[in-house]
Amino acid sequence: MKTRMMFMAGAAVGYVLGTKAGRERYEQIKRLSQQVSENPNVQEAAGMLRAKGEEFAGAARGKANHLKDRVPEQMPGRKADKEQPEVYPG
């Protein structure tokens, strides 16, 4: 019983000390990440990456639209002009 109480007391002290140190470290990391995200160079790079991503997405969308029209023609037994049955999800 005494061993159990000593373990519980040690765990409680460790928890209290760990949470104080953990909170300080969390605040330090939070401040650093905020400084990095507010940096003008980082903002500029993020804007360029966003624009490049939109460009790639547009190109992929165009290719997908082009390919979806060709798929029925390439599948044996299916024709593009055939009436397709409606499919209801669920």
Protein backbone atom coordinates (compact mmCIF):
# COMPACT_ATOMS: atom_id res chain seq x y z
CA MET A 1 0.00 0.00 0.00
CA LYS A 2 2.83 2.37 0.89
CA THR A 3 4.52 1.66 -2.44
CA ARG A 4 1.33 2.44 -4.29
CA MET A 5 0.92 5.76 -2.48
CA MET A 6 4.53 6.71 -3.21
CA PHE A 7 4.01 5.86 -6.89
CA MET A 8 0.81 7.95 -7.02
CA ALA A 9 2.56 10.92 -5.35
CA GLY A 10 5.50 10.65 -7.75
CA ALA A 11 3.18 10.45 -10.73
CA ALA A 12 1.26 13.52 -9.53
CA VAL A 13 4.43 15.56 -9.04
CA GLY A 14 5.76 14.45 -12.43
CA TYR A 15 2.47 15.35 -14.08
CA VAL A 16 2.43 18.85 -12.56
CA LEU A 17 6.05 19.55 -13.46
CA GLY A 18 5.62 18.08 -16.94
CA THR A 19 2.54 20.13 -17.73
CA LYS A 20 4.28 23.36 -16.72
CA ALA A 21 7.31 22.58 -18.87
CA GLY A 22 5.06 21.30 -21.64
CA ARG A 23 2.98 24.48 -21.71
CA GLU A 24 6.09 26.67 -21.92
CA ARG A 25 7.49 24.59 -24.77
CA TYR A 26 4.10 24.68 -26.53
CA GLU A 27 4.01 28.48 -26.29
CA GLN A 28 7.58 28.67 -27.61
CA ILE A 29 6.75 26.49 -30.63
CA LYS A 30 3.54 28.47 -31.22
CA ARG A 31 5.44 31.79 -31.24
CA LEU A 32 8.07 30.43 -33.62
CA SER A 33 5.50 29.03 -36.06
CA GLN A 34 3.59 32.31 -36.01
CA GLN A 35 6.79 34.24 -36.79
CA VAL A 36 7.55 31.92 -39.69
CA SER A 37 4.04 32.12 -41.13
CA GLU A 38 4.02 35.92 -40.94
CA ASN A 39 7.39 36.22 -42.70
CA PRO A 40 6.93 38.03 -46.05
CA ASN A 41 9.20 35.57 -47.86
CA VAL A 42 7.10 32.66 -46.62
CA GLN A 43 3.90 34.49 -47.63
CA GLU A 44 5.30 35.07 -51.12
CA ALA A 45 6.38 31.44 -51.51
CA ALA A 46 2.98 30.22 -50.33
CA GLY A 47 1.26 32.46 -52.89
CA MET A 48 3.45 31.14 -55.69
CA LEU A 49 2.80 27.53 -54.65
CA ARG A 50 -0.94 28.19 -54.47
CA ALA A 51 -0.93 29.68 -57.99
CA LYS A 52 1.13 26.78 -59.36
CA GLY A 53 -1.24 24.29 -57.70
CA GLU A 54 -4.24 25.98 -59.30
CA GLU A 55 -2.46 25.84 -62.66
CA PHE A 56 -1.80 22.10 -62.31
CA ALA A 57 -5.35 21.47 -61.14
CA GLY A 58 -6.71 23.28 -64.19
CA ALA A 59 -4.52 21.24 -66.52
CA ALA A 60 -5.57 18.00 -64.83
CA ARG A 61 -9.22 19.00 -65.05
CA GLY A 62 -8.84 19.69 -68.77
CA LYS A 63 -7.18 16.33 -69.42
CA ALA A 64 -9.82 14.50 -67.38
CA ASN A 65 -12.62 16.14 -69.36
CA HIS A 66 -10.88 15.21 -72.60
CA LEU A 67 -10.37 11.59 -71.54
CA LYS A 68 -13.88 11.02 -70.20
CA ASP A 69 -15.28 11.55 -73.69
CA ARG A 70 -12.91 8.93 -75.15
CA VAL A 71 -13.43 6.16 -72.58
CA PRO A 72 -16.76 4.80 -73.94
CA GLU A 73 -15.24 4.59 -77.42
CA GLN A 74 -12.31 2.51 -76.21
CA MET A 75 -14.30 -0.03 -74.18
CA PRO A 76 -15.40 -3.12 -76.11
CA GLY A 77 -19.17 -3.50 -76.36
CA ARG A 78 -19.91 0.10 -75.43
CA LYS A 79 -20.63 2.98 -77.72
CA ALA A 80 -20.56 6.66 -76.85
CA ASP A 81 -23.97 7.26 -78.40
CA LYS A 82 -25.67 4.41 -76.49
CA GLU A 83 -28.23 5.41 -73.91
CA GLN A 84 -26.72 4.77 -70.50
CA PRO A 85 -29.05 3.53 -67.74
CA GLU A 86 -29.41 5.87 -64.79
CA VAL A 87 -27.63 4.76 -61.67
CA TYR A 88 -28.94 5.74 -58.28
CA PRO A 89 -26.52 5.66 -55.35
CA GLY A 90 -27.43 3.74 -52.26
